[in-house]
Amino acid sequence: MLYGYMAYFDTPEALLSALRALKREGYRRLEALTPNPVEGIEEVLGGDGRIPWVAFFLGVLGAGLGLFLQVYTTLDYPHNAGGKPLLGWPAFIPVTFELTILTITVGIFLYLLYINGLPLAAHPAVRARDYLEVLLDRYGVFLYATDPRFDPEATKALLQALGAEVEEVRRD
């Protein structure tokens, strides 16, 4: 069963122009594989605009949880030390800040694992014959067969017209 196509390019410029062409044609389920950072990929593929909002809500949750735990503990076990007010909020700031950062960090880590489909023991794309080349010195695009625009013959012809060396990746 066909899992997708791995297309290999020799230059980052060829990769970017191929990605733009694939996006214009309506392909959405694709990944760019590069041995080094390529400026412009994020603009072409688009970023995930949900991540900053998830981080914001996790931060609010962490701050609320930090304040709640401290206020609850202070009210449940009151301790008057040196005539200070019972709910002296300046003392709550360091713990609240640290819990906010911890909640954002752990939450975003788990969220990124989820949206990237990880942990994935073996992605079928790594079975491509020349996969190691995209880790060393070539640039690649992996186009999933589950893309709504995917047609085996037309997609392969389009990738070859864009100057790619195309390899079929099959599921075992």
Protein backbone atom coordinates (compact mmCIF):
# COMPACT_ATOMS: atom_id res chain seq x y z
CA MET A 1 0.00 0.00 0.00
CA LEU A 2 1.39 3.41 -0.99
CA TYR A 3 2.15 5.70 1.96
CA GLY A 4 3.41 8.65 -0.06
CA TYR A 5 6.16 10.08 -2.22
CA MET A 6 9.57 11.26 -1.14
CA ALA A 7 10.87 13.91 -3.54
CA TYR A 8 14.56 14.87 -3.43
CA PHE A 9 16.01 18.26 -4.42
CA ASP A 10 19.62 19.43 -4.63
CA THR A 11 19.19 23.05 -3.49
CA PRO A 12 17.06 24.85 -0.92
CA GLU A 13 15.79 27.20 -3.65
CA ALA A 14 14.45 24.23 -5.63
CA LEU A 15 12.82 22.93 -2.46
CA LEU A 16 11.11 26.26 -1.76
CA SER A 17 9.86 26.67 -5.31
CA ALA A 18 8.51 23.10 -5.26
CA LEU A 19 6.76 23.72 -1.94
CA ARG A 20 5.17 26.89 -3.34
CA ALA A 21 4.01 25.03 -6.44
CA LEU A 22 2.57 22.18 -4.38
CA LYS A 23 0.72 24.63 -2.14
CA ARG A 24 -0.67 26.44 -5.21
CA GLU A 25 -1.90 23.10 -6.54
CA GLY A 26 -3.77 22.52 -3.28
CA TYR A 27 -1.61 19.93 -1.52
CA ARG A 28 -1.78 20.24 2.26
CA ARG A 29 -0.36 17.02 3.77
CA LEU A 30 3.35 17.39 3.12
CA GLU A 31 6.55 17.76 5.08
CA ALA A 32 9.84 19.44 4.22
CA LEU A 33 12.98 17.58 5.25
CA THR A 34 16.23 19.52 5.30
CA PRO A 35 19.74 18.93 6.65
CA ASN A 36 19.97 22.56 7.79
CA PRO A 37 17.58 25.47 8.44
CA VAL A 38 16.11 26.90 5.25
CA GLU A 39 14.84 30.44 5.45
CA GLY A 40 11.34 30.77 4.06
CA ILE A 41 9.93 27.33 4.79
CA GLU A 42 7.70 28.59 7.59
CA GLU A 43 6.15 31.21 5.32
CA VAL A 44 5.47 28.62 2.62
CA LEU A 45 4.19 25.80 4.81
CA GLY A 46 2.55 28.06 7.38
CA GLY A 47 2.92 27.85 11.10
CA ASP A 48 0.54 26.57 13.72
CA GLY A 49 -1.22 29.64 15.11
CA ARG A 50 -2.70 27.63 17.96
CA ILE A 51 0.57 27.24 19.86
CA PRO A 52 0.76 30.81 21.28
CA TRP A 53 -2.87 30.57 22.41
CA VAL A 54 -2.29 27.21 24.07
CA ALA A 55 0.76 28.67 25.84
CA PHE A 56 -1.30 31.67 26.99
CA PHE A 57 -4.09 29.51 28.42
CA LEU A 58 -1.57 27.20 30.08
CA GLY A 59 0.06 30.26 31.64
CA VAL A 60 -3.27 31.51 32.97
CA LEU A 61 -3.99 28.02 34.31
CA GLY A 62 -0.57 27.83 35.99
CA ALA A 63 -0.87 31.29 37.55
CA GLY A 64 -4.39 30.56 38.77
CA LEU A 65 -3.32 27.22 40.18
CA GLY A 66 -0.31 28.79 41.92
CA LEU A 67 -2.37 31.54 43.51
CA PHE A 68 -5.19 29.17 44.45
CA LEU A 69 -2.88 26.71 46.19
CA GLN A 70 -1.16 29.44 48.20
CA VAL A 71 -4.35 31.24 49.19
CA TYR A 72 -6.07 27.96 50.09
CA THR A 73 -3.11 26.84 52.19
CA THR A 74 -2.87 30.22 53.92
CA LEU A 75 -6.59 30.33 54.75
CA ASP A 76 -6.76 26.67 55.80
CA TYR A 77 -3.64 26.90 57.99
CA PRO A 78 -3.40 30.56 59.06
CA HIS A 79 -0.04 31.67 60.41
CA ASN A 80 0.51 35.23 61.54
CA ALA A 81 4.23 35.90 61.34
CA GLY A 82 5.41 39.26 62.63
CA GLY A 83 2.07 41.02 62.20
CA LYS A 84 2.08 40.62 58.41
CA PRO A 85 -1.26 40.38 56.65
CA LEU A 86 -2.71 36.90 56.30
CA LEU A 87 -2.89 37.10 52.50
CA GLY A 88 0.33 38.96 51.76
CA TRP A 89 0.25 38.68 47.97
CA PRO A 90 3.83 39.89 47.34
CA ALA A 91 5.06 36.67 48.95
CA PHE A 92 2.95 34.67 46.47
CA ILE A 93 4.60 36.12 43.34
CA PRO A 94 7.74 33.91 43.10
CA VAL A 95 5.86 30.62 43.51
CA THR A 96 3.12 31.76 41.12
CA PHE A 97 5.68 32.79 38.51
CA GLU A 98 7.57 29.49 38.76
CA LEU A 99 4.38 27.43 38.57
CA THR A 100 3.25 29.44 35.54
CA ILE A 101 6.51 28.74 33.70
CA LEU A 102 6.44 25.06 34.69
CA THR A 103 2.84 24.66 33.48
CA ILE A 104 3.59 26.32 30.14
CA THR A 105 6.76 24.30 29.58
CA VAL A 106 5.31 20.89 30.40
CA GLY A 107 2.00 21.66 28.68
CA ILE A 108 3.58 22.86 25.43
CA PHE A 109 5.93 19.87 25.42
CA LEU A 110 2.98 17.48 25.70
CA TYR A 111 0.93 19.48 23.17
CA LEU A 112 3.77 19.40 20.62
CA LEU A 113 4.12 15.65 21.10
CA TYR A 114 0.39 15.33 20.44
CA ILE A 115 0.16 17.52 17.32
CA ASN A 116 3.29 15.96 15.81
CA GLY A 117 1.95 12.45 16.30
CA LEU A 118 4.78 11.46 18.59
CA PRO A 119 6.03 9.20 19.97
CA LEU A 120 6.22 7.36 16.69
CA ALA A 121 8.58 4.41 16.76
CA ALA A 122 9.10 4.25 12.99
CA HIS A 123 7.68 6.67 10.46
CA PRO A 124 7.32 4.96 7.07
CA ALA A 125 9.19 7.85 5.42
CA VAL A 126 12.44 6.69 7.01
CA ARG A 127 12.15 3.52 4.94
CA ALA A 128 12.78 5.50 1.78
CA ARG A 129 15.94 4.28 0.08
CA ASP A 130 17.66 7.69 0.04
CA TYR A 131 16.20 9.06 3.29
CA LEU A 132 19.64 9.52 4.85
CA GLU A 133 20.54 11.99 2.10
CA VAL A 134 18.00 14.52 3.42
CA LEU A 135 19.78 14.30 6.76
CA LEU A 136 23.16 15.01 5.20
CA ASP A 137 23.16 17.13 2.05
CA ARG A 138 19.91 17.01 0.07
CA TYR A 139 16.49 18.53 0.54
CA GLY A 140 13.28 16.59 0.48
CA VAL A 141 9.52 16.84 0.46
CA PHE A 142 7.40 13.99 1.76
CA LEU A 143 3.92 14.06 0.27
CA TYR A 144 1.37 11.83 2.03
CA ALA A 145 -0.95 9.64 0.00
CA THR A 146 -3.77 10.67 2.36
CA ASP A 147 -3.73 14.20 0.92
CA PRO A 148 -7.09 14.92 -0.74
CA ARG A 149 -5.34 16.11 -3.94
CA PHE A 150 -3.08 13.06 -4.13
CA ASP A 151 -3.30 11.11 -7.38
CA PRO A 152 -0.44 8.64 -7.85
CA GLU A 153 0.30 9.41 -11.49
CA ALA A 154 -0.49 13.14 -11.52
CA THR A 155 1.38 13.83 -8.29
CA LYS A 156 4.46 11.92 -9.43
CA ALA A 157 4.40 13.77 -12.76
CA LEU A 158 4.08 17.12 -10.98
CA LEU A 159 7.00 16.38 -8.67
CA GLN A 160 9.17 15.28 -11.58
CA ALA A 161 8.19 18.42 -13.51
CA LEU A 162 9.39 20.43 -10.51
CA GLY A 163 12.81 18.82 -10.89
CA ALA A 164 12.59 16.23 -8.16
CA GLU A 165 13.87 12.71 -8.01
CA VAL A 166 10.75 10.88 -6.79
CA GLU A 167 10.67 7.72 -4.73
CA GLU A 168 7.60 5.75 -3.67
CA VAL A 169 7.29 4.91 0.00
CA ARG A 170 5.15 1.93 0.85
CA ARG A 171 3.78 0.60 4.12
CA ASP A 172 4.90 -2.84 5.15
